[in-house]
């Protein structure tokens, strides 16, 4: 859900919290984990997650300590909680057609520079193909994923640039830059 008022936020938070026992609140514009709040009925108190700016909090503490001081000056996304691992999909596309789609799983979800493993995930690849076709994206870009409670990949974000960890795909033998230059020429 997208929300820009406290009343909407409270409605959507309670709706998802009732259904899933957890909910994520995040600014619609932002970088990394800045401003993300994970509200979870199984959690007690408040904790900053793994050295990031992401806050994990129980519903009672959220409403008593956080919600009342929340200033609504932008839209927020209210969504189901997603689960690790965080995965990336490196894509090279040309003329609305995918050339390379390389899924990677982060070894440490909170620290993308700690390494990756190349994986095969048909659902991520299919999503990548749809993104290329629907957004008409060319060149190198990446999509970040996390998993829903049933294990299906869910899009976190689409970056219209190469991933900082694209080198993993190159080390694995994908000649993504060579192919990009060849397409351009």
N, C-alpha and C. Protein backbone atom coordinates (compact mmCIF):
# COMPACT_ATOMS: atom_id res chain seq x y z
N UNK A 1 0.84 -1.17 0.00
CA UNK A 1 0.00 0.00 0.00
C UNK A 1 0.88 1.24 0.00
N UNK A 2 0.37 2.31 -0.57
CA UNK A 2 1.04 3.59 -0.54
C UNK A 2 0.20 4.52 0.31
N UNK A 3 0.87 5.27 1.20
CA UNK A 3 0.13 6.08 2.15
C UNK A 3 0.83 7.41 2.36
N UNK A 4 0.05 8.47 2.53
CA UNK A 4 0.64 9.78 2.78
C UNK A 4 -0.02 10.51 3.96
N UNK A 5 -0.79 9.78 4.77
CA UNK A 5 -1.38 10.39 5.97
C UNK A 5 -1.27 9.39 7.13
N UNK A 6 -1.32 9.91 8.34
CA UNK A 6 -1.24 9.03 9.51
C UNK A 6 -2.43 8.08 9.58
N UNK A 7 -3.61 8.56 9.20
CA UNK A 7 -4.79 7.68 9.22
C UNK A 7 -4.62 6.51 8.26
N UNK A 8 -4.16 6.80 7.04
CA UNK A 8 -3.92 5.73 6.07
C UNK A 8 -2.85 4.77 6.58
N UNK A 9 -1.74 5.33 7.09
CA UNK A 9 -0.67 4.49 7.61
C UNK A 9 -1.19 3.53 8.67
N UNK A 10 -1.90 4.06 9.63
CA UNK A 10 -2.43 3.23 10.72
C UNK A 10 -3.36 2.14 10.18
N UNK A 11 -4.21 2.49 9.24
CA UNK A 11 -5.14 1.51 8.64
C UNK A 11 -4.37 0.39 7.96
N UNK A 12 -3.41 0.75 7.12
CA UNK A 12 -2.66 -0.27 6.36
C UNK A 12 -1.75 -1.09 7.27
N UNK A 13 -1.12 -0.45 8.23
CA UNK A 13 -0.27 -1.18 9.18
C UNK A 13 -1.09 -2.23 9.91
N UNK A 14 -2.23 -1.81 10.45
CA UNK A 14 -3.07 -2.75 11.21
C UNK A 14 -3.62 -3.87 10.33
N UNK A 15 -3.97 -3.55 9.09
CA UNK A 15 -4.48 -4.55 8.16
C UNK A 15 -3.45 -5.65 7.89
N UNK A 16 -2.23 -5.26 7.55
CA UNK A 16 -1.19 -6.24 7.26
C UNK A 16 -0.72 -6.94 8.53
N UNK A 17 -0.60 -6.20 9.62
CA UNK A 17 -0.18 -6.77 10.90
C UNK A 17 -1.15 -7.85 11.37
N UNK A 18 -2.44 -7.61 11.19
CA UNK A 18 -3.47 -8.59 11.57
C UNK A 18 -3.34 -9.86 10.72
N UNK A 19 -3.05 -9.69 9.44
CA UNK A 19 -2.96 -10.81 8.51
C UNK A 19 -1.67 -11.60 8.65
N UNK A 20 -0.54 -10.90 8.86
CA UNK A 20 0.79 -11.55 8.79
C UNK A 20 1.59 -11.53 10.09
N UNK A 21 1.13 -10.86 11.13
CA UNK A 21 1.86 -10.70 12.39
C UNK A 21 3.09 -9.82 12.27
N UNK A 22 3.37 -9.31 11.08
CA UNK A 22 4.48 -8.38 10.88
C UNK A 22 4.17 -7.51 9.67
N UNK A 23 4.81 -6.33 9.64
CA UNK A 23 4.59 -5.38 8.56
C UNK A 23 5.84 -4.51 8.43
N UNK A 24 6.09 -4.02 7.23
CA UNK A 24 7.23 -3.13 6.99
C UNK A 24 6.70 -1.78 6.53
N UNK A 25 7.25 -0.74 7.11
CA UNK A 25 6.95 0.64 6.77
C UNK A 25 8.24 1.26 6.25
N UNK A 26 8.20 1.82 5.04
CA UNK A 26 9.41 2.46 4.52
C UNK A 26 9.06 3.66 3.65
N UNK A 27 9.95 4.66 3.66
CA UNK A 27 9.72 5.83 2.81
C UNK A 27 9.72 5.40 1.35
N UNK A 28 8.87 6.02 0.55
CA UNK A 28 8.81 5.64 -0.87
C UNK A 28 10.05 6.11 -1.62
N UNK A 29 10.74 7.10 -1.07
CA UNK A 29 12.00 7.57 -1.65
C UNK A 29 13.07 7.44 -0.58
N UNK A 30 14.14 6.75 -0.90
CA UNK A 30 15.20 6.59 0.08
C UNK A 30 16.29 5.68 -0.46
N UNK A 31 17.31 5.48 0.36
CA UNK A 31 18.43 4.64 -0.01
C UNK A 31 18.70 3.63 1.08
N UNK A 32 19.03 2.41 0.66
CA UNK A 32 19.40 1.38 1.61
C UNK A 32 18.29 1.14 2.63
N UNK A 33 18.67 1.04 3.89
CA UNK A 33 17.70 0.74 4.94
C UNK A 33 17.27 1.98 5.72
N UNK A 34 17.61 3.15 5.23
CA UNK A 34 17.26 4.39 5.94
C UNK A 34 15.74 4.55 6.05
N UNK A 35 15.26 4.71 7.28
CA UNK A 35 13.85 4.97 7.50
C UNK A 35 12.94 3.75 7.51
N UNK A 36 13.49 2.56 7.33
CA UNK A 36 12.68 1.35 7.31
C UNK A 36 12.36 0.91 8.74
N UNK A 37 11.09 0.60 8.97
CA UNK A 37 10.64 0.11 10.27
C UNK A 37 9.94 -1.23 10.05
N UNK A 38 10.42 -2.26 10.76
CA UNK A 38 9.80 -3.58 10.72
C UNK A 38 9.04 -3.75 12.03
N UNK A 39 7.72 -3.84 11.94
CA UNK A 39 6.86 -4.01 13.12
C UNK A 39 6.48 -5.48 13.17
N UNK A 40 6.80 -6.15 14.28
CA UNK A 40 6.61 -7.59 14.36
C UNK A 40 6.03 -7.95 15.73
N UNK A 41 4.93 -8.69 15.73
CA UNK A 41 4.29 -9.09 16.98
C UNK A 41 5.16 -10.03 17.80
N UNK A 42 6.10 -10.74 17.17
CA UNK A 42 6.97 -11.67 17.87
C UNK A 42 8.17 -10.99 18.51
N UNK A 43 8.39 -9.74 18.18
CA UNK A 43 9.54 -8.99 18.68
C UNK A 43 9.15 -8.23 19.93
N UNK A 44 10.08 -8.01 20.84
CA UNK A 44 9.84 -7.22 22.05
C UNK A 44 10.84 -6.07 22.10
N UNK A 45 10.34 -4.85 22.23
CA UNK A 45 11.21 -3.68 22.34
C UNK A 45 11.54 -3.08 20.99
N UNK A 46 12.75 -2.48 20.92
CA UNK A 46 13.20 -1.80 19.70
C UNK A 46 14.68 -2.13 19.50
N UNK A 47 15.06 -2.39 18.25
CA UNK A 47 16.43 -2.77 17.92
C UNK A 47 16.80 -2.22 16.56
N UNK A 48 18.01 -1.65 16.45
CA UNK A 48 18.53 -1.29 15.13
C UNK A 48 19.18 -2.55 14.57
N UNK A 49 18.81 -2.90 13.37
CA UNK A 49 19.14 -4.20 12.79
C UNK A 49 20.53 -4.24 12.17
N UNK A 50 21.38 -5.12 12.67
CA UNK A 50 22.69 -5.45 12.09
C UNK A 50 23.49 -4.23 11.63
N UNK A 51 23.56 -3.20 12.45
CA UNK A 51 24.37 -2.04 12.13
C UNK A 51 23.78 -1.12 11.06
N UNK A 52 22.56 -1.37 10.64
CA UNK A 52 21.94 -0.52 9.63
C UNK A 52 21.04 0.50 10.31
N UNK A 53 20.34 1.27 9.52
CA UNK A 53 19.40 2.24 10.06
C UNK A 53 17.99 1.68 10.14
N UNK A 54 17.84 0.39 9.85
CA UNK A 54 16.55 -0.28 9.90
C UNK A 54 16.18 -0.57 11.35
N UNK A 55 14.94 -0.26 11.72
CA UNK A 55 14.47 -0.47 13.09
C UNK A 55 13.50 -1.65 13.12
N UNK A 56 13.69 -2.56 14.08
CA UNK A 56 12.74 -3.64 14.35
C UNK A 56 12.09 -3.32 15.68
N UNK A 57 10.75 -3.44 15.72
CA UNK A 57 10.02 -2.95 16.89
C UNK A 57 8.71 -3.72 17.05
N UNK A 58 8.27 -3.88 18.28
CA UNK A 58 6.97 -4.53 18.49
C UNK A 58 5.86 -3.49 18.31
N UNK A 59 4.62 -3.92 18.03
CA UNK A 59 3.53 -2.96 17.74
C UNK A 59 3.27 -1.97 18.87
N UNK A 60 3.28 -2.43 20.12
CA UNK A 60 2.98 -1.53 21.24
C UNK A 60 4.03 -0.42 21.33
N UNK A 61 5.31 -0.79 21.25
CA UNK A 61 6.38 0.21 21.31
C UNK A 61 6.33 1.13 20.09
N UNK A 62 5.99 0.57 18.92
CA UNK A 62 5.88 1.39 17.72
C UNK A 62 4.84 2.50 17.92
N UNK A 63 3.65 2.11 18.38
CA UNK A 63 2.58 3.12 18.53
C UNK A 63 2.85 4.08 19.68
N UNK A 64 3.47 3.62 20.75
CA UNK A 64 3.70 4.53 21.89
C UNK A 64 4.93 5.42 21.70
N UNK A 65 6.00 4.90 21.08
CA UNK A 65 7.25 5.65 21.00
C UNK A 65 7.56 6.23 19.62
N UNK A 66 7.07 5.61 18.58
CA UNK A 66 7.50 5.98 17.23
C UNK A 66 6.41 6.67 16.41
N UNK A 67 5.24 6.07 16.38
CA UNK A 67 4.16 6.56 15.52
C UNK A 67 3.74 7.97 15.88
N UNK A 68 3.64 8.26 17.17
CA UNK A 68 3.17 9.58 17.60
C UNK A 68 4.11 10.70 17.15
N UNK A 69 5.40 10.42 17.01
CA UNK A 69 6.36 11.45 16.60
C UNK A 69 6.65 11.42 15.10
N UNK A 70 6.03 10.50 14.38
CA UNK A 70 6.25 10.38 12.94
C UNK A 70 5.68 11.59 12.21
N UNK A 71 6.52 12.23 11.41
CA UNK A 71 6.08 13.38 10.63
C UNK A 71 5.83 12.92 9.21
N UNK A 72 4.62 13.12 8.76
CA UNK A 72 4.26 12.69 7.41
C UNK A 72 4.53 13.84 6.44
N UNK A 73 5.67 13.80 5.78
CA UNK A 73 5.98 14.79 4.76
C UNK A 73 6.34 14.12 3.44
N UNK A 74 6.07 12.83 3.37
CA UNK A 74 6.32 12.07 2.15
C UNK A 74 5.44 10.82 2.16
N UNK A 75 5.39 10.15 1.04
CA UNK A 75 4.63 8.90 0.98
C UNK A 75 5.43 7.77 1.62
N UNK A 76 4.71 6.83 2.19
CA UNK A 76 5.31 5.63 2.75
C UNK A 76 4.72 4.41 2.05
N UNK A 77 5.53 3.39 1.97
CA UNK A 77 5.08 2.10 1.48
C UNK A 77 4.84 1.23 2.70
N UNK A 78 3.68 0.60 2.75
CA UNK A 78 3.35 -0.32 3.84
C UNK A 78 3.17 -1.67 3.18
N UNK A 79 3.98 -2.65 3.61
CA UNK A 79 4.00 -3.93 2.90
C UNK A 79 4.28 -5.09 3.83
N UNK A 80 4.09 -6.29 3.31
CA UNK A 80 4.41 -7.48 4.08
C UNK A 80 5.90 -7.55 4.34
N UNK A 81 6.28 -8.19 5.42
CA UNK A 81 7.68 -8.40 5.74
C UNK A 81 8.24 -9.45 4.78
N UNK A 82 9.40 -9.16 4.23
CA UNK A 82 10.08 -10.10 3.36
C UNK A 82 11.25 -10.73 4.11
N UNK A 83 11.76 -11.83 3.58
CA UNK A 83 12.75 -12.63 4.30
C UNK A 83 14.02 -12.82 3.48
N UNK A 84 15.11 -13.06 4.20
CA UNK A 84 16.39 -13.35 3.56
C UNK A 84 16.29 -14.71 2.87
N UNK A 85 17.12 -14.91 1.87
CA UNK A 85 18.26 -14.10 1.48
C UNK A 85 17.87 -12.95 0.58
N UNK A 86 18.74 -11.93 0.55
CA UNK A 86 18.62 -10.88 -0.45
C UNK A 86 19.35 -11.38 -1.69
N UNK A 87 18.72 -11.21 -2.83
CA UNK A 87 19.31 -11.65 -4.10
C UNK A 87 19.33 -10.48 -5.07
N UNK A 88 20.24 -10.55 -6.00
CA UNK A 88 20.36 -9.55 -7.05
C UNK A 88 20.24 -10.25 -8.40
N UNK A 89 19.72 -9.55 -9.37
CA UNK A 89 19.64 -10.08 -10.74
C UNK A 89 20.31 -9.06 -11.65
N UNK A 90 21.52 -9.41 -12.14
CA UNK A 90 22.21 -8.55 -13.10
C UNK A 90 21.59 -8.79 -14.47
N UNK A 91 21.32 -7.69 -15.18
CA UNK A 91 20.67 -7.80 -16.48
C UNK A 91 21.40 -6.93 -17.50
N UNK A 92 21.66 -7.52 -18.65
CA UNK A 92 22.05 -6.76 -19.84
C UNK A 92 20.94 -6.97 -20.84
N UNK A 93 20.36 -5.88 -21.30
CA UNK A 93 19.28 -5.99 -22.29
C UNK A 93 19.57 -5.05 -23.45
N UNK A 94 18.98 -5.38 -24.58
CA UNK A 94 19.18 -4.58 -25.79
C UNK A 94 17.91 -4.66 -26.62
N UNK A 95 17.38 -3.49 -26.98
CA UNK A 95 16.16 -3.39 -27.78
C UNK A 95 15.01 -4.20 -27.17
N UNK A 96 14.82 -4.01 -25.87
CA UNK A 96 13.74 -4.63 -25.10
C UNK A 96 13.85 -6.16 -25.01
N UNK A 97 15.05 -6.68 -25.22
CA UNK A 97 15.25 -8.13 -25.14
C UNK A 97 16.41 -8.41 -24.18
N UNK A 98 16.22 -9.34 -23.26
CA UNK A 98 17.30 -9.67 -22.33
C UNK A 98 18.42 -10.43 -23.04
N UNK A 99 19.64 -10.04 -22.77
CA UNK A 99 20.82 -10.72 -23.29
C UNK A 99 21.41 -11.62 -22.19
N UNK A 100 21.59 -11.05 -21.01
CA UNK A 100 22.07 -11.80 -19.84
C UNK A 100 21.14 -11.53 -18.66
N UNK A 101 20.79 -12.58 -17.92
CA UNK A 101 20.05 -12.47 -16.66
C UNK A 101 20.77 -13.39 -15.68
N UNK A 102 21.49 -12.81 -14.73
CA UNK A 102 22.34 -13.58 -13.82
C UNK A 102 21.87 -13.37 -12.38
N UNK A 103 21.17 -14.35 -11.80
CA UNK A 103 20.75 -14.22 -10.38
C UNK A 103 21.91 -14.56 -9.43
N UNK A 104 22.01 -13.76 -8.37
CA UNK A 104 23.02 -13.97 -7.35
C UNK A 104 22.37 -13.89 -5.97
N UNK A 105 22.86 -14.71 -5.05
CA UNK A 105 22.41 -14.66 -3.66
C UNK A 105 23.53 -14.07 -2.83
N UNK A 106 23.20 -13.09 -1.99
CA UNK A 106 24.19 -12.48 -1.11
C UNK A 106 24.55 -13.46 0.02
N UNK A 107 25.83 -13.57 0.31
CA UNK A 107 26.25 -14.41 1.43
C UNK A 107 25.85 -13.79 2.76
N UNK A 108 25.87 -12.47 2.83
CA UNK A 108 25.43 -11.74 4.01
C UNK A 108 24.44 -10.69 3.52
N UNK A 109 23.17 -10.92 3.78
CA UNK A 109 22.12 -10.06 3.22
C UNK A 109 22.28 -8.60 3.57
N UNK A 110 22.78 -8.30 4.77
CA UNK A 110 22.91 -6.91 5.21
C UNK A 110 24.15 -6.22 4.64
N UNK A 111 25.10 -7.02 4.12
CA UNK A 111 26.35 -6.44 3.60
C UNK A 111 26.62 -7.01 2.21
N UNK A 112 26.17 -6.31 1.17
CA UNK A 112 26.31 -6.84 -0.19
C UNK A 112 27.75 -7.02 -0.64
N UNK A 113 28.71 -6.38 0.00
CA UNK A 113 30.10 -6.52 -0.41
C UNK A 113 30.81 -7.71 0.24
N UNK A 114 30.08 -8.49 1.04
CA UNK A 114 30.68 -9.68 1.67
C UNK A 114 30.70 -10.89 0.75
N UNK A 115 30.17 -10.78 -0.46
CA UNK A 115 30.23 -11.87 -1.43
C UNK A 115 28.87 -12.37 -1.85
N UNK A 116 28.88 -13.11 -2.96
CA UNK A 116 27.66 -13.64 -3.56
C UNK A 116 27.92 -15.03 -4.11
N UNK A 117 26.84 -15.74 -4.34
CA UNK A 117 26.88 -17.04 -5.02
C UNK A 117 25.93 -16.93 -6.21
N UNK A 118 26.41 -17.33 -7.39
CA UNK A 118 25.53 -17.36 -8.56
C UNK A 118 24.55 -18.51 -8.35
N UNK A 119 23.27 -18.24 -8.58
CA UNK A 119 22.23 -19.26 -8.39
C UNK A 119 21.38 -19.34 -9.66
N UNK A 120 20.53 -20.34 -9.71
CA UNK A 120 19.52 -20.40 -10.76
C UNK A 120 18.17 -20.23 -10.09
N UNK A 121 17.42 -19.21 -10.51
CA UNK A 121 16.08 -19.00 -9.97
C UNK A 121 15.18 -18.58 -11.13
N UNK A 122 14.39 -19.51 -11.61
CA UNK A 122 13.53 -19.27 -12.78
C UNK A 122 12.57 -18.11 -12.55
N UNK A 123 12.00 -17.99 -11.35
CA UNK A 123 11.06 -16.90 -11.09
C UNK A 123 11.73 -15.53 -11.20
N UNK A 124 12.95 -15.40 -10.67
CA UNK A 124 13.67 -14.13 -10.80
C UNK A 124 13.97 -13.83 -12.26
N UNK A 125 14.39 -14.83 -13.00
CA UNK A 125 14.69 -14.65 -14.42
C UNK A 125 13.43 -14.22 -15.17
N UNK A 126 12.30 -14.86 -14.88
CA UNK A 126 11.04 -14.48 -15.54
C UNK A 126 10.63 -13.05 -15.20
N UNK A 127 10.82 -12.66 -13.94
CA UNK A 127 10.52 -11.28 -13.55
C UNK A 127 11.43 -10.32 -14.30
N UNK A 128 12.71 -10.67 -14.40
CA UNK A 128 13.66 -9.83 -15.14
C UNK A 128 13.25 -9.64 -16.59
N UNK A 129 12.79 -10.72 -17.23
CA UNK A 129 12.32 -10.63 -18.62
C UNK A 129 11.12 -9.69 -18.74
N UNK A 130 10.20 -9.76 -17.78
CA UNK A 130 9.03 -8.88 -17.80
C UNK A 130 9.43 -7.42 -17.59
N UNK A 131 10.38 -7.18 -16.70
CA UNK A 131 10.84 -5.81 -16.45
C UNK A 131 11.47 -5.23 -17.71
N UNK A 132 12.32 -6.03 -18.37
CA UNK A 132 12.95 -5.56 -19.61
C UNK A 132 11.88 -5.19 -20.64
N UNK A 133 10.90 -6.06 -20.83
CA UNK A 133 9.87 -5.83 -21.84
C UNK A 133 8.95 -4.66 -21.48
N UNK A 134 8.51 -4.59 -20.24
CA UNK A 134 7.53 -3.57 -19.84
C UNK A 134 8.12 -2.18 -19.66
N UNK A 135 9.36 -2.11 -19.16
CA UNK A 135 9.97 -0.80 -18.93
C UNK A 135 10.87 -0.38 -20.08
N UNK A 136 11.04 -1.28 -21.06
CA UNK A 136 11.86 -0.98 -22.24
C UNK A 136 13.25 -0.50 -21.85
N UNK A 137 13.89 -1.26 -20.95
CA UNK A 137 15.21 -0.89 -20.45
C UNK A 137 16.31 -1.53 -21.31
N UNK A 138 17.31 -0.74 -21.64
CA UNK A 138 18.49 -1.21 -22.34
C UNK A 138 19.71 -0.96 -21.47
N UNK A 139 20.76 -1.66 -21.74
CA UNK A 139 22.05 -1.60 -21.06
C UNK A 139 22.07 -2.50 -19.84
N UNK A 140 22.95 -2.17 -18.92
CA UNK A 140 23.13 -3.01 -17.72
C UNK A 140 22.37 -2.37 -16.55
N UNK A 141 21.58 -3.17 -15.86
CA UNK A 141 20.90 -2.71 -14.65
C UNK A 141 20.71 -3.91 -13.74
N UNK A 142 20.17 -3.69 -12.56
CA UNK A 142 19.93 -4.82 -11.67
C UNK A 142 18.63 -4.67 -10.90
N UNK A 143 18.14 -5.81 -10.44
CA UNK A 143 16.93 -5.88 -9.62
C UNK A 143 17.31 -6.56 -8.31
N UNK A 144 16.88 -5.99 -7.19
CA UNK A 144 17.09 -6.59 -5.87
C UNK A 144 15.82 -7.30 -5.44
N UNK A 145 15.99 -8.49 -4.86
CA UNK A 145 14.87 -9.32 -4.41
C UNK A 145 15.05 -9.72 -2.96
N UNK A 146 13.92 -9.96 -2.30
CA UNK A 146 13.86 -10.74 -1.05
C UNK A 146 12.72 -11.72 -1.24
N UNK A 147 12.52 -12.61 -0.27
CA UNK A 147 11.54 -13.67 -0.41
C UNK A 147 10.29 -13.40 0.43
N UNK A 148 9.14 -13.76 -0.13
CA UNK A 148 7.90 -13.69 0.64
C UNK A 148 7.88 -14.85 1.63
N UNK A 149 6.86 -14.91 2.46
CA UNK A 149 6.78 -15.98 3.46
C UNK A 149 6.67 -17.36 2.83
N UNK A 150 6.22 -17.44 1.56
CA UNK A 150 6.14 -18.74 0.89
C UNK A 150 7.38 -19.05 0.05
N UNK A 151 8.41 -18.17 0.13
CA UNK A 151 9.67 -18.42 -0.57
C UNK A 151 9.75 -17.87 -1.97
N UNK A 152 8.70 -17.21 -2.45
CA UNK A 152 8.71 -16.64 -3.80
C UNK A 152 9.48 -15.32 -3.80
N UNK A 153 10.30 -15.07 -4.83
CA UNK A 153 11.04 -13.81 -4.89
C UNK A 153 10.10 -12.61 -5.10
N UNK A 154 10.38 -11.54 -4.36
CA UNK A 154 9.61 -10.30 -4.47
C UNK A 154 10.58 -9.17 -4.77
N UNK A 155 10.23 -8.30 -5.70
CA UNK A 155 11.09 -7.19 -6.10
C UNK A 155 11.19 -6.17 -4.97
N UNK A 156 12.42 -5.86 -4.58
CA UNK A 156 12.66 -4.76 -3.63
C UNK A 156 12.82 -3.46 -4.38
N UNK A 157 13.67 -3.50 -5.41
CA UNK A 157 13.90 -2.30 -6.20
C UNK A 157 14.53 -2.66 -7.54
N UNK A 158 14.33 -1.76 -8.49
CA UNK A 158 14.96 -1.88 -9.80
C UNK A 158 15.93 -0.71 -9.91
N UNK A 159 17.21 -1.02 -10.07
CA UNK A 159 18.23 0.02 -10.20
C UNK A 159 18.55 0.19 -11.68
N UNK A 160 18.41 1.39 -12.19
CA UNK A 160 18.64 1.64 -13.61
C UNK A 160 20.12 1.86 -13.91
N UNK A 161 20.93 1.14 -13.19
CA UNK A 161 22.38 1.19 -13.35
C UNK A 161 22.94 -0.17 -12.99
N UNK A 162 24.19 -0.37 -13.31
CA UNK A 162 24.85 -1.63 -12.94
C UNK A 162 24.99 -1.71 -11.43
N UNK A 163 24.87 -2.89 -10.90
CA UNK A 163 25.05 -3.13 -9.47
C UNK A 163 26.52 -2.92 -9.10
N UNK A 164 26.76 -2.48 -7.88
CA UNK A 164 28.13 -2.35 -7.40
C UNK A 164 28.84 -3.69 -7.31
N UNK A 165 28.07 -4.75 -7.22
CA UNK A 165 28.66 -6.10 -7.12
C UNK A 165 28.55 -6.88 -8.43
N UNK A 166 28.42 -6.16 -9.53
CA UNK A 166 28.37 -6.79 -10.85
C UNK A 166 29.63 -7.62 -11.13
N UNK A 167 30.72 -7.27 -10.49
CA UNK A 167 31.98 -7.99 -10.70
C UNK A 167 31.83 -9.49 -10.44
N UNK A 168 30.91 -9.87 -9.56
CA UNK A 168 30.69 -11.30 -9.26
C UNK A 168 30.28 -12.04 -10.53
N UNK A 169 29.35 -11.49 -11.28
CA UNK A 169 28.92 -12.12 -12.54
C UNK A 169 30.07 -12.18 -13.53
N UNK A 170 30.89 -11.14 -13.55
CA UNK A 170 32.03 -11.13 -14.47
C UNK A 170 33.07 -12.17 -14.06
N UNK A 171 33.35 -12.28 -12.77
CA UNK A 171 34.30 -13.28 -12.28
C UNK A 171 33.79 -14.69 -12.59
N UNK A 172 32.46 -14.85 -12.61
CA UNK A 172 31.86 -16.15 -12.92
C UNK A 172 31.93 -16.48 -14.41
N UNK A 173 32.42 -15.53 -15.21
CA UNK A 173 32.62 -15.81 -16.62
C UNK A 173 31.65 -15.15 -17.58
N UNK A 174 30.72 -14.35 -17.07
CA UNK A 174 29.79 -13.66 -17.96
C UNK A 174 30.47 -12.40 -18.48
N UNK A 175 30.62 -12.31 -19.78
CA UNK A 175 31.32 -11.16 -20.39
C UNK A 175 30.34 -10.02 -20.66
N UNK A 176 29.75 -9.54 -19.58
CA UNK A 176 28.65 -8.59 -19.69
C UNK A 176 29.09 -7.24 -20.28
N UNK A 177 30.26 -6.72 -19.88
CA UNK A 177 30.73 -5.46 -20.45
C UNK A 177 31.16 -5.62 -21.89
N UNK A 178 31.88 -6.71 -22.19
CA UNK A 178 32.26 -6.98 -23.59
C UNK A 178 31.02 -7.05 -24.47
N UNK A 179 30.00 -7.74 -23.99
CA UNK A 179 28.77 -7.87 -24.77
C UNK A 179 28.05 -6.53 -24.93
N UNK A 180 28.08 -5.71 -23.87
CA UNK A 180 27.46 -4.38 -23.96
C UNK A 180 28.17 -3.53 -25.02
N UNK A 181 29.50 -3.56 -25.02
CA UNK A 181 30.25 -2.79 -26.01
C UNK A 181 29.99 -3.31 -27.41
N UNK A 182 29.93 -4.63 -27.57
CA UNK A 182 29.63 -5.21 -28.89
C UNK A 182 28.24 -4.78 -29.37
N UNK A 183 27.27 -4.75 -28.48
CA UNK A 183 25.92 -4.32 -28.86
C UNK A 183 25.93 -2.85 -29.29
N UNK A 184 26.66 -2.04 -28.55
CA UNK A 184 26.74 -0.62 -28.87
C UNK A 184 27.39 -0.39 -30.23
N UNK A 185 28.47 -1.14 -30.48
CA UNK A 185 29.18 -0.99 -31.75
C UNK A 185 28.40 -1.60 -32.89
